[in-house]
């Protein structure tokens, strides 16, 4: 009975639980945290993979849309060329119309002066941008008034009197009328 001297009571654990040490609790905690981290990393990897599929689908859709638009542009090329040709013809018609209008205004002014009896006409030569005119007036003042009237015309760039001679029948004159640059270069 030597044990009686050391009076330590004997304990018997009937609960069936083992005593947990710090190391076992730490290992269990580390394993649970590791499992959680692995699941989180896998979720991030799966979401990145899904995002890549979404981006790839968007790229394919954009390429398809770009190819469709390129096809439409190529298909419209013929219409554009036709439109440009019509535009060029329209510009030519406008240029011709403006040039014709300028010459018509000039000829109308000359005809009105003839009808009023300010002078008599000998010859009128009409080129693309130059009108040459020869006539006979009763006085220099009639010629000067006619030149002043022509200079007020917006289609006239310059007027030059090429010849003025006096005769028994009045003043013979020859003039060249240059049409304005805007009319010539439309």
Protein backbone atom coordinates (compact mmCIF):
# COMPACT_ATOMS: atom_id res chain seq x y z
CA UNK A 1 0.00 0.00 0.00
CA UNK A 2 2.54 2.20 -0.80
CA UNK A 3 0.19 4.05 -2.88
CA UNK A 4 -1.63 5.21 0.13
CA UNK A 5 1.15 7.62 0.83
CA UNK A 6 0.71 9.39 -2.35
CA UNK A 7 -2.78 10.29 -2.17
CA UNK A 8 -3.55 11.23 -5.56
CA UNK A 9 -6.99 10.35 -6.51
CA UNK A 10 -7.48 8.27 -9.56
CA UNK A 11 -9.64 9.70 -12.18
CA UNK A 12 -11.52 7.81 -14.76
CA UNK A 13 -12.97 9.73 -17.71
CA UNK A 14 -16.23 8.06 -18.67
CA UNK A 15 -17.29 10.67 -21.26
CA UNK A 16 -15.29 9.14 -24.05
CA UNK A 17 -13.71 12.41 -25.07
CA UNK A 18 -10.04 12.65 -25.46
CA UNK A 19 -8.25 15.54 -24.11
CA UNK A 20 -7.37 17.96 -26.85
CA UNK A 21 -3.98 19.44 -26.99
CA UNK A 22 -3.07 22.78 -28.57
CA UNK A 23 -1.33 21.04 -31.44
CA UNK A 24 -4.36 18.97 -32.40
CA UNK A 25 -6.67 22.02 -32.28
CA UNK A 26 -4.19 24.07 -34.38
CA UNK A 27 -3.82 21.28 -36.98
CA UNK A 28 -7.57 20.92 -37.30
CA UNK A 29 -7.98 24.70 -37.68
CA UNK A 30 -5.17 24.87 -40.29
CA UNK A 31 -6.73 22.05 -42.30
CA UNK A 32 -10.16 23.75 -42.28
CA UNK A 33 -8.65 27.10 -43.33
CA UNK A 34 -6.65 25.34 -46.08
CA UNK A 35 -9.79 23.62 -47.40
CA UNK A 36 -11.62 26.94 -47.40
CA UNK A 37 -8.76 28.64 -49.26
CA UNK A 38 -8.67 25.86 -51.84
CA UNK A 39 -12.42 26.20 -52.44
CA UNK A 40 -12.08 29.99 -52.79
CA UNK A 41 -9.16 29.66 -55.24
CA UNK A 42 -11.13 27.14 -57.29
CA UNK A 43 -14.15 29.47 -57.35
CA UNK A 44 -11.93 32.34 -58.52
CA UNK A 45 -10.40 30.11 -61.23
CA UNK A 46 -13.85 28.97 -62.40
CA UNK A 47 -15.15 32.56 -62.49
CA UNK A 48 -12.05 33.63 -64.49
CA UNK A 49 -12.64 30.76 -66.92
CA UNK A 50 -16.32 31.72 -67.26
CA UNK A 51 -15.36 35.38 -67.80
CA UNK A 52 -12.92 34.33 -70.52
CA UNK A 53 -15.71 32.47 -72.31
CA UNK A 54 -17.92 35.56 -72.08
CA UNK A 55 -15.14 37.78 -73.48
CA UNK A 56 -14.40 35.28 -76.28
CA UNK A 57 -18.10 35.26 -77.22
CA UNK A 58 -18.12 39.07 -77.33
CA UNK A 59 -15.01 39.09 -79.55
CA UNK A 60 -16.58 36.59 -81.94
CA UNK A 61 -19.79 38.66 -82.06
CA UNK A 62 -17.82 41.85 -82.76
CA UNK A 63 -15.82 40.17 -85.51
CA UNK A 64 -19.03 38.89 -87.09
CA UNK A 65 -20.58 42.36 -86.90
CA UNK A 66 -17.44 43.91 -88.40
CA UNK A 67 -17.46 41.37 -91.23
CA UNK A 68 -21.12 42.17 -91.94
CA UNK A 69 -20.43 45.89 -92.03
CA UNK A 70 -17.41 45.37 -94.29
CA UNK A 71 -19.61 43.34 -96.63
CA UNK A 72 -22.21 46.12 -96.66
CA UNK A 73 -19.54 48.72 -97.43
CA UNK A 74 -18.26 46.61 -100.32
CA UNK A 75 -21.79 46.10 -101.56
CA UNK A 76 -22.45 49.86 -101.47
CA UNK A 77 -19.27 50.72 -103.41
CA UNK A 78 -21.10 50.53 -106.73
CA UNK A 79 -23.85 52.82 -105.48
CA UNK A 80 -21.27 55.28 -104.17
CA UNK A 81 -19.49 55.37 -107.53
CA UNK A 82 -22.83 55.93 -109.26
CA UNK A 83 -23.66 58.72 -106.79
CA UNK A 84 -20.28 60.37 -107.38
CA UNK A 85 -20.81 60.17 -111.14
CA UNK A 86 -24.24 61.77 -110.78
CA UNK A 87 -22.73 64.44 -108.52
CA UNK A 88 -20.03 65.19 -111.12
CA UNK A 89 -22.65 65.46 -113.86
CA UNK A 90 -24.76 67.73 -111.66
CA UNK A 91 -21.74 69.96 -111.06
CA UNK A 92 -21.14 70.11 -114.82
CA UNK A 93 -24.77 71.04 -115.41
CA UNK A 94 -24.60 73.78 -112.74
CA UNK A 95 -21.36 75.09 -114.26
CA UNK A 96 -22.90 75.13 -117.72
CA UNK A 97 -26.05 76.77 -116.40
CA UNK A 98 -24.09 79.52 -114.60
CA UNK A 99 -21.92 80.13 -117.64
CA UNK A 100 -24.95 80.22 -119.89
CA UNK A 101 -26.75 82.55 -117.48
CA UNK A 102 -23.79 84.93 -117.51
CA UNK A 103 -23.64 85.00 -121.30
CA UNK A 104 -27.44 85.31 -121.53
CA UNK A 105 -27.43 88.30 -119.14
CA UNK A 106 -24.69 89.92 -121.20
CA UNK A 107 -26.48 89.35 -124.50
CA UNK A 108 -29.73 90.63 -122.97
CA UNK A 109 -27.96 93.83 -121.89
CA UNK A 110 -26.50 94.28 -125.40
CA UNK A 111 -29.89 93.61 -127.01
CA UNK A 112 -31.64 96.13 -124.76
CA UNK A 113 -29.07 98.77 -125.69
CA UNK A 114 -29.62 97.96 -129.38
CA UNK A 115 -33.41 98.13 -128.99
CA UNK A 116 -33.12 101.51 -127.29
CA UNK A 117 -31.08 102.76 -130.27
CA UNK A 118 -27.99 103.72 -128.28
CA UNK A 119 -25.79 102.03 -130.88
CA UNK A 120 -25.83 99.62 -133.80
CA UNK A 121 -24.18 96.24 -133.69
CA UNK A 122 -21.80 94.92 -136.22
CA UNK A 123 -20.66 91.62 -134.74
CA UNK A 124 -20.93 89.68 -131.47
CA UNK A 125 -18.56 86.76 -130.83
CA UNK A 126 -19.22 84.55 -127.80
CA UNK A 127 -16.52 82.19 -126.49
CA UNK A 128 -16.52 80.21 -123.26
CA UNK A 129 -15.49 83.13 -121.04
CA UNK A 130 -15.02 86.04 -123.45
CA UNK A 131 -17.59 88.04 -125.38
CA UNK A 132 -16.24 90.24 -128.18
CA UNK A 133 -18.48 93.00 -129.44
CA UNK A 134 -18.21 95.51 -132.29
CA UNK A 135 -20.65 98.32 -132.81
CA UNK A 136 -21.28 101.88 -133.88
CA UNK A 137 -22.66 104.60 -131.60
CA UNK A 138 -23.62 108.20 -132.17
CA UNK A 139 -21.42 109.56 -129.38
CA UNK A 140 -18.68 108.56 -126.97
CA UNK A 141 -21.12 109.11 -124.11
CA UNK A 142 -23.34 106.30 -125.38
CA UNK A 143 -20.32 103.98 -125.38
CA UNK A 144 -19.32 105.14 -121.88
CA UNK A 145 -22.84 104.63 -120.52
CA UNK A 146 -22.92 101.16 -122.04
CA UNK A 147 -19.54 100.28 -120.45
CA UNK A 148 -20.80 101.57 -117.08
CA UNK A 149 -23.93 99.44 -117.40
CA UNK A 150 -21.87 96.34 -118.22
CA UNK A 151 -19.48 96.93 -115.31
CA UNK A 152 -22.43 96.70 -112.89
CA UNK A 153 -23.15 93.15 -114.08
CA UNK A 154 -21.88 90.65 -111.45
CA UNK A 155 -20.85 88.18 -114.15
CA UNK A 156 -18.43 90.61 -115.80
CA UNK A 157 -14.83 90.59 -114.60
CA UNK A 158 -13.32 93.14 -116.96
CA UNK A 159 -14.17 95.23 -119.99
CA UNK A 160 -11.57 96.42 -122.43
CA UNK A 161 -12.19 98.80 -125.30
CA UNK A 162 -9.99 97.44 -128.04
CA UNK A 163 -10.71 100.12 -130.64
CA UNK A 164 -12.52 103.43 -130.80
CA UNK A 165 -12.54 105.34 -134.07
CA UNK A 166 -14.52 108.32 -135.22
CA UNK A 167 -16.22 108.33 -138.59
CA UNK A 168 -18.93 110.23 -140.46
CA UNK A 169 -21.53 107.72 -139.26
CA UNK A 170 -20.55 108.04 -135.58
CA UNK A 171 -18.12 106.24 -133.25
CA UNK A 172 -16.98 102.75 -134.19
CA UNK A 173 -15.87 100.67 -131.22
CA UNK A 174 -14.71 97.17 -130.44
CA UNK A 175 -14.73 95.76 -126.91
CA UNK A 176 -13.87 92.51 -125.16
CA UNK A 177 -15.81 91.48 -122.09
CA UNK A 178 -14.16 88.94 -119.75
CA UNK A 179 -16.54 86.84 -117.64
CA UNK A 180 -15.96 86.60 -113.90
CA UNK A 181 -13.63 83.89 -112.56
CA UNK A 182 -16.34 82.42 -110.32
CA UNK A 183 -18.49 81.73 -113.38
CA UNK A 184 -15.63 80.18 -115.32
CA UNK A 185 -14.35 77.91 -112.52
CA UNK A 186 -17.56 76.53 -110.98
